[in-house]
Amino acid sequence: MSSSMWIIWALLSAIFAAMTAIFAKLGTQQMDSDFATLIRTSIILLILICFVWGTGKLSNPMLLSTKNWFFLGLSALATGASWICYFRALQLGDVARVAPVDKLSVIFVAVFAVCFLGERLDVRDWFAVSLVAAGVIILAIKR
């Protein structure tokens, strides 16, 4: 696979994330957002089991290292917390304002990547991150 294929997968992720916001807003109407998150997560679990099994990628999870389990566990906890908060925000606010605020994660990822992974961002990168932050602030401010 080409090293530039990541951009296609990232764009598809963004498109599906946008669809997620719209569908979640419609799906959480007149129901508890936490219960909606449970239903969504259960469906995702079933889809992923079928996908991993169908592509022949199912392997013994007991062969994973302790480090793999630890960080995948932390990632799962963070994902769960994110989804619970996101669905609650969607239920309470306008999707066109909630989704951009959620994208503050772009800024947090940049900062965390530098602090915890030792990644380096140049001036141009930080300028782009600041543009994202400015866009979020503009969209979040109520008119």
N, C-alpha and C. Protein backbone atom coordinates (compact mmCIF):
# COMPACT_ATOMS: atom_id res chain seq x y z
N MET A 1 0.84 -1.18 0.00
CA MET A 1 0.00 0.00 0.00
C MET A 1 0.89 1.24 0.00
N SER A 2 0.50 2.22 -0.75
CA SER A 2 1.27 3.45 -0.87
C SER A 2 1.32 4.20 0.45
N SER A 3 2.45 4.87 0.69
CA SER A 3 2.59 5.62 1.94
C SER A 3 1.67 6.84 1.98
N SER A 4 1.13 7.24 0.84
CA SER A 4 0.22 8.39 0.82
C SER A 4 -1.24 7.97 0.96
N MET A 5 -1.51 6.70 1.13
CA MET A 5 -2.89 6.23 1.27
C MET A 5 -3.53 6.70 2.57
N TRP A 6 -2.72 7.12 3.54
CA TRP A 6 -3.28 7.57 4.81
C TRP A 6 -4.25 8.71 4.61
N ILE A 7 -3.99 9.58 3.63
CA ILE A 7 -4.85 10.76 3.42
C ILE A 7 -6.25 10.33 2.96
N ILE A 8 -6.32 9.31 2.15
CA ILE A 8 -7.63 8.82 1.70
C ILE A 8 -8.40 8.26 2.89
N TRP A 9 -7.73 7.45 3.71
CA TRP A 9 -8.38 6.88 4.89
C TRP A 9 -8.78 7.97 5.88
N ALA A 10 -7.94 8.98 6.02
CA ALA A 10 -8.25 10.08 6.94
C ALA A 10 -9.45 10.89 6.43
N LEU A 11 -9.51 11.12 5.13
CA LEU A 11 -10.66 11.84 4.56
C LEU A 11 -11.95 11.02 4.71
N LEU A 12 -11.85 9.73 4.47
CA LEU A 12 -13.02 8.87 4.68
C LEU A 12 -13.45 8.90 6.14
N SER A 13 -12.49 8.91 7.05
CA SER A 13 -12.80 9.01 8.47
C SER A 13 -13.56 10.30 8.77
N ALA A 14 -13.11 11.39 8.18
CA ALA A 14 -13.78 12.68 8.39
C ALA A 14 -15.20 12.67 7.85
N ILE A 15 -15.38 12.07 6.68
CA ILE A 15 -16.72 11.99 6.09
C ILE A 15 -17.64 11.15 6.98
N PHE A 16 -17.14 9.99 7.42
CA PHE A 16 -17.96 9.14 8.29
C PHE A 16 -18.21 9.81 9.64
N ALA A 17 -17.25 10.55 10.16
CA ALA A 17 -17.45 11.28 11.41
C ALA A 17 -18.55 12.33 11.25
N ALA A 18 -18.56 13.00 10.11
CA ALA A 18 -19.62 13.99 9.85
C ALA A 18 -20.98 13.30 9.79
N MET A 19 -21.04 12.16 9.11
CA MET A 19 -22.29 11.42 9.03
C MET A 19 -22.70 10.94 10.43
N THR A 20 -21.72 10.55 11.24
CA THR A 20 -21.99 10.11 12.61
C THR A 20 -22.70 11.20 13.40
N ALA A 21 -22.22 12.43 13.27
CA ALA A 21 -22.82 13.54 14.01
C ALA A 21 -24.27 13.75 13.61
N ILE A 22 -24.53 13.74 12.32
CA ILE A 22 -25.90 13.96 11.83
C ILE A 22 -26.81 12.82 12.27
N PHE A 23 -26.37 11.58 12.04
CA PHE A 23 -27.20 10.43 12.40
C PHE A 23 -27.40 10.33 13.91
N ALA A 24 -26.37 10.65 14.69
CA ALA A 24 -26.48 10.60 16.14
C ALA A 24 -27.47 11.65 16.64
N LYS A 25 -27.43 12.83 16.07
CA LYS A 25 -28.37 13.88 16.47
C LYS A 25 -29.80 13.41 16.22
N LEU A 26 -30.03 12.82 15.07
CA LEU A 26 -31.37 12.31 14.74
C LEU A 26 -31.74 11.11 15.62
N GLY A 27 -30.75 10.26 15.90
CA GLY A 27 -31.01 9.03 16.65
C GLY A 27 -31.19 9.21 18.14
N THR A 28 -30.71 10.33 18.69
CA THR A 28 -30.83 10.52 20.13
C THR A 28 -32.05 11.34 20.52
N GLN A 29 -32.85 11.70 19.55
CA GLN A 29 -34.04 12.47 19.87
C GLN A 29 -35.01 11.62 20.67
N GLN A 30 -35.52 12.17 21.73
CA GLN A 30 -36.51 11.54 22.60
C GLN A 30 -36.02 10.24 23.24
N MET A 31 -34.70 10.19 23.54
CA MET A 31 -34.16 9.05 24.27
C MET A 31 -32.93 9.50 25.04
N ASP A 32 -32.54 8.72 26.00
CA ASP A 32 -31.36 9.03 26.81
C ASP A 32 -30.09 8.86 25.97
N SER A 33 -29.21 9.84 26.02
CA SER A 33 -28.00 9.81 25.20
C SER A 33 -27.04 8.69 25.62
N ASP A 34 -27.01 8.34 26.90
CA ASP A 34 -26.14 7.26 27.35
C ASP A 34 -26.63 5.91 26.82
N PHE A 35 -27.93 5.71 26.82
CA PHE A 35 -28.48 4.47 26.26
C PHE A 35 -28.24 4.43 24.75
N ALA A 36 -28.34 5.57 24.10
CA ALA A 36 -28.06 5.64 22.66
C ALA A 36 -26.60 5.27 22.38
N THR A 37 -25.70 5.71 23.25
CA THR A 37 -24.28 5.36 23.09
C THR A 37 -24.08 3.86 23.24
N LEU A 38 -24.78 3.24 24.17
CA LEU A 38 -24.69 1.79 24.35
C LEU A 38 -25.15 1.05 23.10
N ILE A 39 -26.27 1.47 22.55
CA ILE A 39 -26.79 0.82 21.34
C ILE A 39 -25.79 0.97 20.20
N ARG A 40 -25.29 2.18 20.01
CA ARG A 40 -24.32 2.46 18.94
C ARG A 40 -23.07 1.60 19.12
N THR A 41 -22.57 1.52 20.34
CA THR A 41 -21.35 0.76 20.61
C THR A 41 -21.57 -0.73 20.35
N SER A 42 -22.74 -1.24 20.72
CA SER A 42 -23.06 -2.65 20.49
C SER A 42 -23.08 -2.97 19.00
N ILE A 43 -23.65 -2.08 18.22
CA ILE A 43 -23.70 -2.27 16.77
C ILE A 43 -22.28 -2.23 16.19
N ILE A 44 -21.48 -1.29 16.65
CA ILE A 44 -20.10 -1.19 16.19
C ILE A 44 -19.33 -2.47 16.51
N LEU A 45 -19.52 -3.01 17.71
CA LEU A 45 -18.85 -4.24 18.11
C LEU A 45 -19.21 -5.38 17.15
N LEU A 46 -20.48 -5.53 16.84
CA LEU A 46 -20.91 -6.59 15.93
C LEU A 46 -20.30 -6.40 14.54
N ILE A 47 -20.31 -5.18 14.04
CA ILE A 47 -19.75 -4.90 12.72
C ILE A 47 -18.25 -5.21 12.70
N LEU A 48 -17.54 -4.80 13.74
CA LEU A 48 -16.10 -5.05 13.78
C LEU A 48 -15.76 -6.52 13.90
N ILE A 49 -16.54 -7.26 14.67
CA ILE A 49 -16.31 -8.71 14.76
C ILE A 49 -16.45 -9.34 13.37
N CYS A 50 -17.51 -8.99 12.68
CA CYS A 50 -17.72 -9.53 11.33
C CYS A 50 -16.62 -9.09 10.37
N PHE A 51 -16.22 -7.83 10.45
CA PHE A 51 -15.19 -7.30 9.56
C PHE A 51 -13.84 -7.98 9.79
N VAL A 52 -13.42 -8.05 11.05
CA VAL A 52 -12.11 -8.65 11.35
C VAL A 52 -12.13 -10.14 11.01
N TRP A 53 -13.20 -10.82 11.34
CA TRP A 53 -13.31 -12.25 11.00
C TRP A 53 -13.35 -12.44 9.49
N GLY A 54 -14.16 -11.62 8.80
CA GLY A 54 -14.31 -11.74 7.35
C GLY A 54 -13.05 -11.43 6.56
N THR A 55 -12.19 -10.60 7.09
CA THR A 55 -10.94 -10.27 6.40
C THR A 55 -9.79 -11.17 6.83
N GLY A 56 -10.09 -12.15 7.69
CA GLY A 56 -9.07 -13.10 8.12
C GLY A 56 -8.04 -12.51 9.07
N LYS A 57 -8.39 -11.45 9.75
CA LYS A 57 -7.44 -10.78 10.65
C LYS A 57 -7.66 -11.14 12.11
N LEU A 58 -8.58 -12.03 12.37
CA LEU A 58 -8.85 -12.44 13.75
C LEU A 58 -7.69 -13.28 14.25
N SER A 59 -7.12 -12.89 15.38
CA SER A 59 -6.02 -13.65 15.96
C SER A 59 -6.21 -13.75 17.47
N ASN A 60 -5.33 -14.46 18.10
CA ASN A 60 -5.43 -14.69 19.53
C ASN A 60 -5.05 -13.42 20.30
N PRO A 61 -6.01 -12.79 20.99
CA PRO A 61 -5.69 -11.56 21.72
C PRO A 61 -4.77 -11.80 22.92
N MET A 62 -4.65 -13.05 23.36
CA MET A 62 -3.77 -13.35 24.48
C MET A 62 -2.30 -13.26 24.09
N LEU A 63 -2.02 -13.17 22.79
CA LEU A 63 -0.64 -13.04 22.33
C LEU A 63 -0.16 -11.59 22.34
N LEU A 64 -1.07 -10.67 22.64
CA LEU A 64 -0.68 -9.26 22.71
C LEU A 64 0.14 -9.00 23.98
N SER A 65 1.01 -8.02 23.89
CA SER A 65 1.84 -7.68 25.05
C SER A 65 1.00 -6.94 26.10
N THR A 66 1.53 -6.88 27.29
CA THR A 66 0.89 -6.13 28.37
C THR A 66 0.77 -4.66 27.97
N LYS A 67 1.81 -4.15 27.32
CA LYS A 67 1.80 -2.76 26.86
C LYS A 67 0.66 -2.54 25.87
N ASN A 68 0.47 -3.47 24.91
CA ASN A 68 -0.65 -3.36 23.96
C ASN A 68 -1.98 -3.30 24.70
N TRP A 69 -2.18 -4.22 25.62
CA TRP A 69 -3.43 -4.27 26.38
C TRP A 69 -3.65 -3.00 27.18
N PHE A 70 -2.59 -2.51 27.83
CA PHE A 70 -2.70 -1.32 28.66
C PHE A 70 -3.14 -0.11 27.83
N PHE A 71 -2.44 0.14 26.73
CA PHE A 71 -2.74 1.33 25.95
C PHE A 71 -4.03 1.18 25.14
N LEU A 72 -4.34 -0.02 24.69
CA LEU A 72 -5.63 -0.22 24.03
C LEU A 72 -6.77 -0.06 25.03
N GLY A 73 -6.54 -0.50 26.26
CA GLY A 73 -7.53 -0.30 27.32
C GLY A 73 -7.75 1.17 27.62
N LEU A 74 -6.65 1.91 27.74
CA LEU A 74 -6.78 3.36 27.96
C LEU A 74 -7.49 4.04 26.78
N SER A 75 -7.16 3.60 25.57
CA SER A 75 -7.81 4.15 24.39
C SER A 75 -9.31 3.87 24.41
N ALA A 76 -9.67 2.67 24.82
CA ALA A 76 -11.09 2.31 24.91
C ALA A 76 -11.81 3.17 25.95
N LEU A 77 -11.17 3.38 27.09
CA LEU A 77 -11.78 4.22 28.13
C LEU A 77 -11.95 5.65 27.62
N ALA A 78 -10.94 6.17 26.94
CA ALA A 78 -11.02 7.52 26.40
C ALA A 78 -12.09 7.61 25.31
N THR A 79 -12.18 6.59 24.47
CA THR A 79 -13.21 6.57 23.42
C THR A 79 -14.60 6.55 24.05
N GLY A 80 -14.79 5.69 25.03
CA GLY A 80 -16.09 5.62 25.70
C GLY A 80 -16.47 6.95 26.33
N ALA A 81 -15.54 7.56 27.02
CA ALA A 81 -15.81 8.86 27.65
C ALA A 81 -16.13 9.91 26.57
N SER A 82 -15.37 9.88 25.49
CA SER A 82 -15.60 10.82 24.39
C SER A 82 -16.99 10.64 23.80
N TRP A 83 -17.37 9.40 23.54
CA TRP A 83 -18.68 9.14 22.94
C TRP A 83 -19.81 9.55 23.87
N ILE A 84 -19.67 9.24 25.16
CA ILE A 84 -20.71 9.64 26.11
C ILE A 84 -20.87 11.15 26.13
N CYS A 85 -19.75 11.85 26.19
CA CYS A 85 -19.79 13.32 26.21
C CYS A 85 -20.32 13.87 24.89
N TYR A 86 -19.91 13.28 23.78
CA TYR A 86 -20.32 13.75 22.46
C TYR A 86 -21.83 13.59 22.26
N PHE A 87 -22.35 12.43 22.61
CA PHE A 87 -23.79 12.19 22.46
C PHE A 87 -24.59 13.12 23.37
N ARG A 88 -24.10 13.35 24.58
CA ARG A 88 -24.78 14.27 25.49
C ARG A 88 -24.77 15.68 24.89
N ALA A 89 -23.64 16.11 24.37
CA ALA A 89 -23.54 17.44 23.76
C ALA A 89 -24.46 17.55 22.54
N LEU A 90 -24.52 16.48 21.73
CA LEU A 90 -25.41 16.51 20.55
C LEU A 90 -26.87 16.61 20.97
N GLN A 91 -27.21 15.94 22.05
CA GLN A 91 -28.59 15.98 22.50
C GLN A 91 -28.96 17.37 23.01
N LEU A 92 -28.00 18.06 23.59
CA LEU A 92 -28.27 19.37 24.19
C LEU A 92 -28.03 20.55 23.26
N GLY A 93 -27.18 20.37 22.26
CA GLY A 93 -26.79 21.50 21.42
C GLY A 93 -27.01 21.26 19.94
N ASP A 94 -26.75 22.29 19.16
CA ASP A 94 -26.84 22.19 17.70
C ASP A 94 -25.65 21.42 17.15
N VAL A 95 -25.93 20.46 16.29
CA VAL A 95 -24.87 19.62 15.74
C VAL A 95 -23.83 20.46 14.99
N ALA A 96 -24.25 21.54 14.36
CA ALA A 96 -23.33 22.39 13.60
C ALA A 96 -22.37 23.16 14.51
N ARG A 97 -22.68 23.20 15.81
CA ARG A 97 -21.77 23.85 16.76
C ARG A 97 -21.05 22.82 17.63
N VAL A 98 -21.72 21.71 17.93
CA VAL A 98 -21.10 20.68 18.76
C VAL A 98 -19.94 20.02 18.01
N ALA A 99 -20.16 19.62 16.77
CA ALA A 99 -19.13 18.91 16.01
C ALA A 99 -17.84 19.71 15.87
N PRO A 100 -17.90 20.99 15.54
CA PRO A 100 -16.64 21.74 15.46
C PRO A 100 -15.92 21.84 16.80
N VAL A 101 -16.65 22.02 17.89
CA VAL A 101 -16.00 22.08 19.20
C VAL A 101 -15.32 20.75 19.49
N ASP A 102 -15.97 19.66 19.11
CA ASP A 102 -15.37 18.34 19.26
C ASP A 102 -14.04 18.26 18.52
N LYS A 103 -13.91 19.01 17.47
CA LYS A 103 -12.67 18.98 16.67
C LYS A 103 -11.54 19.74 17.34
N LEU A 104 -11.79 20.31 18.51
CA LEU A 104 -10.68 20.82 19.30
C LEU A 104 -9.70 19.70 19.60
N SER A 105 -10.15 18.47 19.41
CA SER A 105 -9.26 17.33 19.59
C SER A 105 -8.04 17.45 18.69
N VAL A 106 -8.17 18.12 17.55
CA VAL A 106 -7.04 18.35 16.66
C VAL A 106 -5.93 19.10 17.39
N ILE A 107 -6.32 20.11 18.14
CA ILE A 107 -5.34 20.90 18.89
C ILE A 107 -4.74 20.05 20.00
N PHE A 108 -5.59 19.33 20.73
CA PHE A 108 -5.10 18.49 21.81
C PHE A 108 -4.17 17.40 21.28
N VAL A 109 -4.51 16.80 20.15
CA VAL A 109 -3.65 15.77 19.56
C VAL A 109 -2.28 16.35 19.24
N ALA A 110 -2.24 17.54 18.65
CA ALA A 110 -0.96 18.16 18.32
C ALA A 110 -0.12 18.38 19.57
N VAL A 111 -0.73 18.94 20.60
CA VAL A 111 -0.01 19.21 21.85
C VAL A 111 0.43 17.90 22.50
N PHE A 112 -0.47 16.92 22.59
CA PHE A 112 -0.13 15.64 23.22
C PHE A 112 0.94 14.90 22.43
N ALA A 113 0.88 14.97 21.10
CA ALA A 113 1.88 14.29 20.26
C ALA A 113 3.27 14.86 20.51
N VAL A 114 3.34 16.17 20.68
CA VAL A 114 4.62 16.81 20.98
C VAL A 114 5.08 16.42 22.39
N CYS A 115 4.18 16.51 23.36
CA CYS A 115 4.54 16.26 24.76
C CYS A 115 4.84 14.79 25.06
N PHE A 116 4.04 13.89 24.53
CA PHE A 116 4.13 12.49 24.93
C PHE A 116 4.79 11.57 23.91
N LEU A 117 4.74 11.95 22.63
CA LEU A 117 5.31 11.08 21.59
C LEU A 117 6.61 11.63 21.01
N GLY A 118 6.95 12.85 21.41
CA GLY A 118 8.18 13.46 20.90
C GLY A 118 8.11 13.91 19.46
N GLU A 119 6.90 14.04 18.94
CA GLU A 119 6.76 14.51 17.56
C GLU A 119 7.08 15.99 17.49
N ARG A 120 7.51 16.43 16.33
CA ARG A 120 7.88 17.83 16.14
C ARG A 120 6.96 18.47 15.11
N LEU A 121 6.43 19.62 15.45
CA LEU A 121 5.62 20.40 14.51
C LEU A 121 6.38 21.68 14.21
N ASP A 122 6.40 22.05 12.92
CA ASP A 122 7.08 23.29 12.56
C ASP A 122 6.10 24.46 12.66
N VAL A 123 6.58 25.64 12.35
CA VAL A 123 5.77 26.86 12.47
C VAL A 123 4.51 26.76 11.62
N ARG A 124 4.65 26.24 10.42
CA ARG A 124 3.50 26.08 9.52
C ARG A 124 2.44 25.17 10.15
N ASP A 125 2.89 24.08 10.77
CA ASP A 125 1.96 23.15 11.43
C ASP A 125 1.22 23.84 12.57
N TRP A 126 1.95 24.57 13.41
CA TRP A 126 1.32 25.27 14.53
C TRP A 126 0.36 26.35 14.04
N PHE A 127 0.70 26.98 12.93
CA PHE A 127 -0.20 27.98 12.34
C PHE A 127 -1.51 27.31 11.91
N ALA A 128 -1.42 26.16 11.29
CA ALA A 128 -2.61 25.43 10.87
C ALA A 128 -3.44 25.01 12.07
N VAL A 129 -2.79 24.54 13.13
CA VAL A 129 -3.50 24.16 14.34
C VAL A 129 -4.21 25.37 14.93
N SER A 130 -3.55 26.52 14.91
CA SER A 130 -4.19 27.73 15.45
C SER A 130 -5.37 28.17 14.59
N LEU A 131 -5.32 27.92 13.30
CA LEU A 131 -6.47 28.22 12.44
C LEU A 131 -7.66 27.34 12.79
N VAL A 132 -7.40 26.08 13.08
CA VAL A 132 -8.47 25.17 13.52
C VAL A 132 -9.09 25.71 14.81
N ALA A 133 -8.23 26.11 15.74
CA ALA A 133 -8.72 26.65 17.02
C ALA A 133 -9.57 27.89 16.79
N ALA A 134 -9.11 28.77 15.93
CA ALA A 134 -9.87 29.99 15.63
C ALA A 134 -11.22 29.65 15.02
N GLY A 135 -11.23 28.69 14.11
CA GLY A 135 -12.49 28.27 13.49
C GLY A 135 -13.47 27.71 14.49
N VAL A 136 -12.97 26.91 15.42
CA VAL A 136 -13.82 26.35 16.46
C VAL A 136 -14.42 27.45 17.32
N ILE A 137 -13.60 28.40 17.71
CA ILE A 137 -14.09 29.50 18.55
C ILE A 137 -15.16 30.29 17.81
N ILE A 138 -14.93 30.58 16.54
CA ILE A 138 -15.91 31.35 15.75
C ILE A 138 -17.23 30.58 15.65
N LEU A 139 -17.15 29.27 15.38
CA LEU A 139 -18.37 28.48 15.24
C LEU A 139 -19.08 28.27 16.58
N ALA A 140 -18.35 28.24 17.66
CA ALA A 140 -18.95 27.94 18.96
C ALA A 140 -19.63 29.13 19.59
N ILE A 141 -19.20 30.34 19.22
CA ILE A 141 -19.76 31.55 19.82
C ILE A 141 -21.19 31.73 19.31
N LYS A 142 -22.10 31.85 20.24
CA LYS A 142 -23.51 32.02 19.87
C LYS A 142 -23.74 33.44 19.34
N ARG A 143 -24.46 33.50 18.26
CA ARG A 143 -24.76 34.82 17.65
C ARG A 143 -25.95 35.43 18.27
